[in-house]
PDB file of N, CA and C in Angstrom:
ATOM      1  N   MET A   1       7.232 -24.356  -0.928  1.00  0.00           N
ATOM      2  CA  MET A   1       6.630 -23.650  -0.382  1.00  0.00           C
ATOM      3  C   MET A   1       5.316 -23.620  -0.042  1.00  0.00           C
ATOM      4  N   SER A   2       3.823 -23.241   0.625  1.00  0.00           N
ATOM      5  CA  SER A   2       3.057 -22.897   0.812  1.00  0.00           C
ATOM      6  C   SER A   2       2.954 -21.649   0.834  1.00  0.00           C
ATOM      7  N   GLN A   3       2.133 -20.918  -0.185  1.00  0.00           N
ATOM      8  CA  GLN A   3       1.401 -19.079  -0.550  1.00  0.00           C
ATOM      9  C   GLN A   3       1.348 -19.122   0.943  1.00  0.00           C
ATOM     10  N   ASN A   4       1.108 -19.798   2.551  1.00  0.00           N
ATOM     11  CA  ASN A   4       0.557 -19.082   2.988  1.00  0.00           C
ATOM     12  C   ASN A   4       2.261 -19.105   4.284  1.00  0.00           C
ATOM     13  N   HIS A   5       2.834 -20.073   4.328  1.00  0.00           N
ATOM     14  CA  HIS A   5       3.764 -20.030   4.449  1.00  0.00           C
ATOM     15  C   HIS A   5       5.003 -19.137   4.055  1.00  0.00           C
ATOM     16  N   LEU A   6       5.580 -18.241   2.895  1.00  0.00           N
ATOM     17  CA  LEU A   6       5.599 -17.394   2.344  1.00  0.00           C
ATOM     18  C   LEU A   6       5.435 -15.793   3.126  1.00  0.00           C
ATOM     19  N   ARG A   7       3.945 -16.033   3.704  1.00  0.00           N
ATOM     20  CA  ARG A   7       3.199 -15.138   3.905  1.00  0.00           C
ATOM     21  C   ARG A   7       3.681 -14.516   5.474  1.00  0.00           C
ATOM     22  N   PHE A   8       4.254 -15.900   6.349  1.00  0.00           N
ATOM     23  CA  PHE A   8       4.475 -16.087   7.114  1.00  0.00           C
ATOM     24  C   PHE A   8       5.948 -15.181   7.727  1.00  0.00           C
ATOM     25  N   LEU A   9       7.080 -15.897   6.348  1.00  0.00           N
ATOM     26  CA  LEU A   9       8.041 -15.552   6.785  1.00  0.00           C
ATOM     27  C   LEU A   9       8.146 -13.948   6.195  1.00  0.00           C
ATOM     28  N   ALA A  10       7.291 -13.284   5.405  1.00  0.00           N
ATOM     29  CA  ALA A  10       7.795 -11.976   5.425  1.00  0.00           C
ATOM     30  C   ALA A  10       7.237 -11.097   6.238  1.00  0.00           C
ATOM     31  N   ARG A  11       6.714 -11.824   7.484  1.00  0.00           N
ATOM     32  CA  ARG A  11       6.159 -10.956   8.674  1.00  0.00           C
ATOM     33  C   ARG A  11       6.972 -11.291   9.677  1.00  0.00           C
ATOM     34  N   THR A  12       8.068 -12.365   9.921  1.00  0.00           N
ATOM     35  CA  THR A  12       8.458 -12.642  10.502  1.00  0.00           C
ATOM     36  C   THR A  12       9.777 -11.499  11.076  1.00  0.00           C
ATOM     37  N   VAL A  13       9.876 -11.059  12.130  1.00  0.00           N
ATOM     38  CA  VAL A  13      11.327  -9.894  12.228  1.00  0.00           C
ATOM     39  C   VAL A  13      12.538 -10.399  13.499  1.00  0.00           C
ATOM     40  N   LEU A  14      13.594 -10.771  13.234  1.00  0.00           N
ATOM     41  CA  LEU A  14      14.578 -11.005  14.122  1.00  0.00           C
ATOM     42  C   LEU A  14      15.161 -10.129  14.419  1.00  0.00           C
ATOM     43  N   VAL A  15      14.787 -10.749  15.903  1.00  0.00           N
ATOM     44  CA  VAL A  15      16.065  -9.859  16.982  1.00  0.00           C
ATOM     45  C   VAL A  15      17.090  -9.990  17.302  1.00  0.00           C
ATOM     46  N   ARG A  16      17.881  -8.975  16.915  1.00  0.00           N
ATOM     47  CA  ARG A  16      19.219  -9.470  17.187  1.00  0.00           C
ATOM     48  C   ARG A  16      20.312  -8.500  18.325  1.00  0.00           C
ATOM     49  N   ASN A  17      20.827  -9.592  19.651  1.00  0.00           N
ATOM     50  CA  ASN A  17      21.332  -9.706  20.272  1.00  0.00           C
ATOM     51  C   ASN A  17      20.518  -8.870  21.645  1.00  0.00           C
ATOM     52  N   ASN A  18      19.387  -8.666  21.773  1.00  0.00           N
ATOM     53  CA  ASN A  18      18.009  -8.900  22.625  1.00  0.00           C
ATOM     54  C   ASN A  18      17.771  -6.987  22.569  1.00  0.00           C
ATOM     55  N   ASP A  19      18.341  -6.425  21.080  1.00  0.00           N
ATOM     56  CA  ASP A  19      17.788  -5.141  20.665  1.00  0.00           C
ATOM     57  C   ASP A  19      16.245  -4.930  20.010  1.00  0.00           C
ATOM     58  N   ILE A  20      15.562  -4.851  20.965  1.00  0.00           N
ATOM     59  CA  ILE A  20      14.351  -4.761  20.337  1.00  0.00           C
ATOM     60  C   ILE A  20      13.408  -3.783  19.392  1.00  0.00           C
ATOM     61  N   GLU A  21      14.249  -2.452  19.883  1.00  0.00           N
ATOM     62  CA  GLU A  21      13.552  -1.049  19.387  1.00  0.00           C
ATOM     63  C   GLU A  21      14.242  -1.463  17.363  1.00  0.00           C
ATOM     64  N   PRO A  22      14.887  -1.899  17.177  1.00  0.00           N
ATOM     65  CA  PRO A  22      15.311  -1.668  15.537  1.00  0.00           C
ATOM     66  C   PRO A  22      14.159  -2.594  14.802  1.00  0.00           C
ATOM     67  N   ALA A  23      14.116  -4.141  15.782  1.00  0.00           N
ATOM     68  CA  ALA A  23      12.446  -4.827  15.263  1.00  0.00           C
ATOM     69  C   ALA A  23      11.687  -3.989  15.133  1.00  0.00           C
ATOM     70  N   TYR A  24      11.429  -3.734  16.604  1.00  0.00           N
ATOM     71  CA  TYR A  24       9.818  -2.700  15.997  1.00  0.00           C
ATOM     72  C   TYR A  24       9.655  -2.034  14.799  1.00  0.00           C
ATOM     73  N   ARG A  25      10.936  -1.447  14.826  1.00  0.00           N
ATOM     74  CA  ARG A  25      10.454  -0.288  13.881  1.00  0.00           C
ATOM     75  C   ARG A  25      10.566  -1.062  12.403  1.00  0.00           C
ATOM     76  N   VAL A  26      11.213  -2.322  12.236  1.00  0.00           N
ATOM     77  CA  VAL A  26      11.136  -3.005  10.991  1.00  0.00           C
ATOM     78  C   VAL A  26       9.359  -3.330  11.262  1.00  0.00           C
ATOM     79  N   LEU A  27       8.755  -4.371  12.211  1.00  0.00           N
ATOM     80  CA  LEU A  27       7.426  -4.180  12.099  1.00  0.00           C
ATOM     81  C   LEU A  27       6.761  -3.486  12.300  1.00  0.00           C
ATOM     82  N   ASP A  28       6.845  -2.754  12.638  1.00  0.00           N
ATOM     83  CA  ASP A  28       6.202  -1.311  12.559  1.00  0.00           C
ATOM     84  C   ASP A  28       6.077  -1.079  11.165  1.00  0.00           C
ATOM     85  N   ARG A  29       6.936  -0.906  10.448  1.00  0.00           N
ATOM     86  CA  ARG A  29       6.858  -0.313   8.385  1.00  0.00           C
ATOM     87  C   ARG A  29       6.033  -1.428   7.989  1.00  0.00           C
ATOM     88  N   ILE A  30       6.192  -2.971   7.959  1.00  0.00           N
ATOM     89  CA  ILE A  30       5.409  -3.701   7.866  1.00  0.00           C
ATOM     90  C   ILE A  30       4.256  -3.632   7.308  1.00  0.00           C
ATOM     91  N   LEU A  31       3.726  -3.582   8.845  1.00  0.00           N
ATOM     92  CA  LEU A  31       2.362  -2.914   9.468  1.00  0.00           C
ATOM     93  C   LEU A  31       1.474  -2.085   8.783  1.00  0.00           C
ATOM     94  N   ARG A  32       2.333  -1.384   8.818  1.00  0.00           N
ATOM     95  CA  ARG A  32       1.944   0.096   8.036  1.00  0.00           C
ATOM     96  C   ARG A  32       1.835  -0.078   6.768  1.00  0.00           C
ATOM     97  N   SER A  33       2.869  -0.658   5.791  1.00  0.00           N
ATOM     98  CA  SER A  33       2.728  -0.818   4.685  1.00  0.00           C
ATOM     99  C   SER A  33       1.342  -1.920   4.155  1.00  0.00           C
ATOM    100  N   GLU A  34       1.183  -2.678   5.261  1.00  0.00           N
ATOM    101  CA  GLU A  34       0.022  -3.602   5.232  1.00  0.00           C
ATOM    102  C   GLU A  34      -1.326  -2.955   5.335  1.00  0.00           C
ATOM    103  N   LYS A  35      -0.964  -1.751   5.535  1.00  0.00           N
ATOM    104  CA  LYS A  35      -2.344  -0.982   5.888  1.00  0.00           C
ATOM    105  C   LYS A  35      -3.208  -1.773   7.525  1.00  0.00           C
ATOM    106  N   PHE A  36      -2.081  -2.091   8.130  1.00  0.00           N
ATOM    107  CA  PHE A  36      -2.944  -2.930   9.272  1.00  0.00           C
ATOM    108  C   PHE A  36      -3.280  -1.677  10.364  1.00  0.00           C
ATOM    109  N   PHE A  37      -2.704  -1.156  10.694  1.00  0.00           N
ATOM    110  CA  PHE A  37      -3.363   0.028  11.368  1.00  0.00           C
ATOM    111  C   PHE A  37      -4.469   0.675  11.291  1.00  0.00           C
ATOM    112  N   ASN A  38      -4.408   0.881   9.383  1.00  0.00           N
ATOM    113  CA  ASN A  38      -5.753   1.637   9.522  1.00  0.00           C
ATOM    114  C   ASN A  38      -6.957   0.458   9.423  1.00  0.00           C
ATOM    115  N   ASP A  39      -7.075  -0.628   9.202  1.00  0.00           N
ATOM    116  CA  ASP A  39      -8.147  -1.831   9.326  1.00  0.00           C
ATOM    117  C   ASP A  39      -8.730  -1.872  10.581  1.00  0.00           C
ATOM    118  N   VAL A  40      -7.145  -1.665  11.676  1.00  0.00           N
ATOM    119  CA  VAL A  40      -7.401  -1.876  12.885  1.00  0.00           C
ATOM    120  C   VAL A  40      -8.562  -0.743  13.144  1.00  0.00           C
ATOM    121  N   ARG A  41      -8.555   0.275  13.221  1.00  0.00           N
ATOM    122  CA  ARG A  41      -9.225   1.672  13.383  1.00  0.00           C
ATOM    123  C   ARG A  41     -10.479   1.810  12.819  1.00  0.00           C
ATOM    124  N   ARG A  42     -10.890   1.080  11.484  1.00  0.00           N
ATOM    125  CA  ARG A  42     -11.961   1.137  11.228  1.00  0.00           C
ATOM    126  C   ARG A  42     -13.022   0.550  11.799  1.00  0.00           C
ATOM    127  N   LYS A  43     -12.320  -0.578  12.450  1.00  0.00           N
ATOM    128  CA  LYS A  43     -13.136  -1.467  13.234  1.00  0.00           C
ATOM    129  C   LYS A  43     -12.938  -1.690  14.444  1.00  0.00           C
ATOM    130  N   GLU A  44     -12.621  -0.501  14.918  1.00  0.00           N
ATOM    131  CA  GLU A  44     -12.992   0.164  16.785  1.00  0.00           C
ATOM    132  C   GLU A  44     -14.229   0.068  16.828  1.00  0.00           C
ATOM    133  N   ARG A  45     -15.043   0.943  15.619  1.00  0.00           N
ATOM    134  CA  ARG A  45     -16.519   0.686  16.071  1.00  0.00           C
ATOM    135  C   ARG A  45     -17.351   0.296  14.749  1.00  0.00           C
ATOM    136  N   TYR A  46     -18.859   0.356  14.937  1.00  0.00           N
ATOM    137  CA  TYR A  46     -19.352  -0.206  13.573  1.00  0.00           C
ATOM    138  C   TYR A  46     -19.473   0.897  12.269  1.00  0.00           C
ATOM    139  N   GLU A  47     -19.497   0.459  11.449  1.00  0.00           N
ATOM    140  CA  GLU A  47     -19.938   1.183  10.231  1.00  0.00           C
ATOM    141  C   GLU A  47     -20.590   1.075   9.497  1.00  0.00           C
ATOM    142  N   LYS A  48     -21.433   2.348   9.499  1.00  0.00           N
ATOM    143  CA  LYS A  48     -22.859   2.001   8.669  1.00  0.00           C
ATOM    144  C   LYS A  48     -22.977   1.603   7.289  1.00  0.00           C
ATOM    145  N   PRO A  49     -23.593   0.465   6.905  1.00  0.00           N
ATOM    146  CA  PRO A  49     -24.090   0.374   5.455  1.00  0.00           C
ATOM    147  C   PRO A  49     -23.781   1.346   4.790  1.00  0.00           C
ATOM    148  N   PHE A  50     -24.004   2.792   4.711  1.00  0.00           N
ATOM    149  CA  PHE A  50     -24.632   3.573   3.795  1.00  0.00           C
ATOM    150  C   PHE A  50     -22.429   4.419   3.875  1.00  0.00           C
ATOM    151  N   GLN A  51     -22.158   4.346   4.864  1.00  0.00           N
ATOM    152  CA  GLN A  51     -20.507   4.854   5.244  1.00  0.00           C
ATOM    153  C   GLN A  51     -19.689   4.487   4.723  1.00  0.00           C
ATOM    154  N   GLN A  52     -19.518   2.625   4.449  1.00  0.00           N
ATOM    155  CA  GLN A  52     -19.125   1.511   4.134  1.00  0.00           C
ATOM    156  C   GLN A  52     -19.054   1.539   2.352  1.00  0.00           C
ATOM    157  N   ARG A  53     -20.573   1.909   1.577  1.00  0.00           N
ATOM    158  CA  ARG A  53     -20.046   2.370   0.531  1.00  0.00           C
ATOM    159  C   ARG A  53     -19.997   3.438  -0.077  1.00  0.00           C
ATOM    160  N   ARG A  54     -19.881   4.118   0.899  1.00  0.00           N
ATOM    161  CA  ARG A  54     -19.407   5.536   0.756  1.00  0.00           C
ATOM    162  C   ARG A  54     -17.750   5.078   0.527  1.00  0.00           C
ATOM    163  N   ARG A  55     -17.241   5.312   1.648  1.00  0.00           N
ATOM    164  CA  ARG A  55     -15.626   4.598   1.896  1.00  0.00           C
ATOM    165  C   ARG A  55     -15.105   3.855   0.496  1.00  0.00           C
ATOM    166  N   VAL A  56     -15.623   2.085   0.389  1.00  0.00           N
ATOM    167  CA  VAL A  56     -15.577   1.798  -0.867  1.00  0.00           C
ATOM    168  C   VAL A  56     -15.470   2.314  -2.017  1.00  0.00           C
ATOM    169  N   SER A  57     -16.132   3.549  -2.023  1.00  0.00           N
ATOM    170  CA  SER A  57     -16.486   3.953  -3.297  1.00  0.00           C
ATOM    171  C   SER A  57     -15.266   5.341  -3.785  1.00  0.00           C
ATOM    172  N   TYR A  58     -15.256   5.494  -2.611  1.00  0.00           N
ATOM    173  CA  TYR A  58     -13.815   6.591  -2.443  1.00  0.00           C
ATOM    174  C   TYR A  58     -12.927   6.049  -2.511  1.00  0.00           C
ATOM    175  N   GLU A  59     -12.172   4.866  -1.929  1.00  0.00           N
ATOM    176  CA  GLU A  59     -11.018   4.084  -2.176  1.00  0.00           C
ATOM    177  C   GLU A  59     -11.022   3.710  -4.073  1.00  0.00           C
ATOM    178  N   ARG A  60     -11.931   3.472  -4.163  1.00  0.00           N
ATOM    179  CA  ARG A  60     -11.741   3.044  -5.508  1.00  0.00           C
ATOM    180  C   ARG A  60     -11.927   3.666  -6.504  1.00  0.00           C
ATOM    181  N   CYS A  61     -12.699   5.094  -6.049  1.00  0.00           N
ATOM    182  CA  CYS A  61     -12.325   6.216  -7.361  1.00  0.00           C
ATOM    183  C   CYS A  61     -10.370   6.572  -6.431  1.00  0.00           C
ATOM    184  N   LYS A  62     -10.242   6.769  -5.845  1.00  0.00           N
ATOM    185  CA  LYS A  62      -8.690   7.032  -5.458  1.00  0.00           C
ATOM    186  C   LYS A  62      -7.802   6.135  -6.002  1.00  0.00           C
ATOM    187  N   ARG A  63      -8.328   5.058  -6.105  1.00  0.00           N
ATOM    188  CA  ARG A  63      -6.886   3.893  -6.828  1.00  0.00           C
ATOM    189  C   ARG A  63      -7.611   3.979  -8.530  1.00  0.00           C
ATOM    190  N   ILE A  64      -8.554   4.358  -9.126  1.00  0.00           N
ATOM    191  CA  ILE A  64      -8.690   5.065 -10.168  1.00  0.00           C
ATOM    192  C   ILE A  64      -7.273   5.945 -10.501  1.00  0.00           C
ATOM    193  N   TYR A  65      -7.560   6.424  -9.743  1.00  0.00           N
ATOM    194  CA  TYR A  65      -7.364   8.241 -10.465  1.00  0.00           C
ATOM    195  C   TYR A  65      -5.514   7.808 -10.264  1.00  0.00           C
ATOM    196  N   ASN A  66      -5.397   7.422  -9.386  1.00  0.00           N
ATOM    197  CA  ASN A  66      -4.021   7.218  -9.228  1.00  0.00           C
ATOM    198  C   ASN A  66      -3.549   6.203 -10.092  1.00  0.00           C
ATOM    199  N   SER A  67      -3.576   5.186 -10.145  1.00  0.00           N
ATOM    200  CA  SER A  67      -3.540   4.784 -11.458  1.00  0.00           C
ATOM    201  C   SER A  67      -3.340   5.411 -12.804  1.00  0.00           C
ATOM    202  N   GLU A  68      -4.332   6.219 -13.010  1.00  0.00           N
ATOM    203  CA  GLU A  68      -4.736   6.522 -14.283  1.00  0.00           C
ATOM    204  C   GLU A  68      -3.089   7.793 -14.252  1.00  0.00           C
ATOM    205  N   MET A  69      -3.571   8.728 -13.692  1.00  0.00           N
ATOM    206  CA  MET A  69      -2.126   9.554 -13.028  1.00  0.00           C
ATOM    207  C   MET A  69      -0.570   8.540 -12.913  1.00  0.00           C
ATOM    208  N   GLN A  70      -0.040   7.483 -12.511  1.00  0.00           N
ATOM    209  CA  GLN A  70       1.047   6.942 -12.752  1.00  0.00           C
ATOM    210  C   GLN A  70       1.070   6.436 -14.147  1.00  0.00           C
ATOM    211  N   ARG A  71      -0.406   6.070 -15.022  1.00  0.00           N
ATOM    212  CA  ARG A  71       0.022   5.617 -16.090  1.00  0.00           C
ATOM    213  C   ARG A  71       0.746   7.196 -17.117  1.00  0.00           C
ATOM    214  N   LYS A  72       0.047   7.590 -16.934  1.00  0.00           N
ATOM    215  CA  LYS A  72       0.126   9.400 -17.650  1.00  0.00           C
ATOM    216  C   LYS A  72       2.024   9.963 -17.138  1.00  0.00           C
ATOM    217  N   ILE A  73       2.155  10.001 -15.855  1.00  0.00           N
ATOM    218  CA  ILE A  73       3.848  10.248 -15.756  1.00  0.00           C
ATOM    219  C   ILE A  73       4.612   9.166 -16.911  1.00  0.00           C
ATOM    220  N   GLU A  74       4.282   7.886 -16.254  1.00  0.00           N
ATOM    221  CA  GLU A  74       5.423   6.724 -17.522  1.00  0.00           C
ATOM    222  C   GLU A  74       5.256   7.128 -18.340  1.00  0.00           C
ATOM    223  N   PHE A  75       4.217   7.725 -18.892  1.00  0.00           N
ATOM    224  CA  PHE A  75       4.201   8.261 -20.526  1.00  0.00           C
ATOM    225  C   PHE A  75       4.975   9.314 -21.073  1.00  0.00           C
ATOM    226  N   VAL A  76       4.997  10.349 -20.066  1.00  0.00           N
ATOM    227  CA  VAL A  76       5.754  11.258 -20.194  1.00  0.00           C
ATOM    228  C   VAL A  76       7.290  11.100 -19.926  1.00  0.00           C
ATOM    229  N   MET A  77       7.513  10.202 -18.944  1.00  0.00           N
ATOM    230  CA  MET A  77       8.465   9.674 -18.625  1.00  0.00           C
ATOM    231  C   MET A  77       9.244   9.371 -19.442  1.00  0.00           C
ATOM    232  N   ARG A  78       8.824   8.493 -20.251  1.00  0.00           N
ATOM    233  CA  ARG A  78       9.439   7.580 -21.649  1.00  0.00           C
ATOM    234  C   ARG A  78      10.790   8.607 -22.259  1.00  0.00           C
ATOM    235  N   LYS A  79      11.205   7.681 -22.259  1.00  0.00           N
ATOM    236  CA  LYS A  79      12.888   8.033 -23.043  1.00  0.00           C
ATOM    237  C   LYS A  79      12.908   8.032 -24.816  1.00  0.00           C
ATOM    238  N   ASN A  80      12.149   7.000 -25.888  1.00  0.00           N
ATOM    239  CA  ASN A  80      12.339   7.104 -27.163  1.00  0.00           C
ATOM    240  C   ASN A  80      11.162   7.772 -27.543  1.00  0.00           C
ATOM    241  N   ARG A  81      10.814   8.664 -27.333  1.00  0.00           N
ATOM    242  CA  ARG A  81       9.688   9.615 -27.742  1.00  0.00           C
ATOM    243  C   ARG A  81      10.165  10.023 -28.783  1.00  0.00           C
ATOM    244  N   THR A  82       8.918  10.275 -30.046  1.00  0.00           N
ATOM    245  CA  THR A  82       9.387  11.222 -31.614  1.00  0.00           C
ATOM    246  C   THR A  82       8.698  12.851 -30.864  1.00  0.00           C
ATOM    247  N   ASP A  83       9.758  13.577 -31.130  1.00  0.00           N
ATOM    248  CA  ASP A  83       9.744  14.880 -30.842  1.00  0.00           C
ATOM    249  C   ASP A  83       8.538  15.612 -31.188  1.00  0.00           C
ATOM    250  N   PRO A  84       7.198  15.722 -30.865  1.00  0.00           N
ATOM    251  CA  PRO A  84       6.380  16.566 -31.316  1.00  0.00           C
ATOM    252  C   PRO A  84       6.159  18.126 -31.647  1.00  0.00           C
ATOM    253  N   PHE A  85       7.529  18.742 -32.010  1.00  0.00           N
ATOM    254  CA  PHE A  85       7.774  19.745 -32.419  1.00  0.00           C
ATOM    255  C   PHE A  85       8.914  19.581 -33.300  1.00  0.00           C
ATOM    256  N   PRO A  86       8.831  18.660 -34.066  1.00  0.00           N
ATOM    257  CA  PRO A  86      10.191  19.046 -35.625  1.00  0.00           C
ATOM    258  C   PRO A  86      10.276  20.404 -35.654  1.00  0.00           C
ATOM    259  N   ARG A  87      11.685  20.447 -36.175  1.00  0.00           N
ATOM    260  CA  ARG A  87      12.197  21.555 -36.021  1.00  0.00           C
ATOM    261  C   ARG A  87      12.279  21.473 -38.160  1.00  0.00           C
TER     262      ARG A  87
END
């Protein structure tokens, strides 16, 4: 299967017994996880170039901060560490 076909399958929501509420919740969860609503909301109005640069810079800093924090948390949560304070 091609990559585009797999992306389409990941977004396919099945409706069972003509009950659309659970299917709608699943679709909503998929769209939120892909940040679809944020993109739509952001593109409703024109974003000036300085605002775009500021937003992109903020998102980059946030991504770096989150990855570093995750790395530090994983380091602290490791099981096989030597005791830093031997008795």
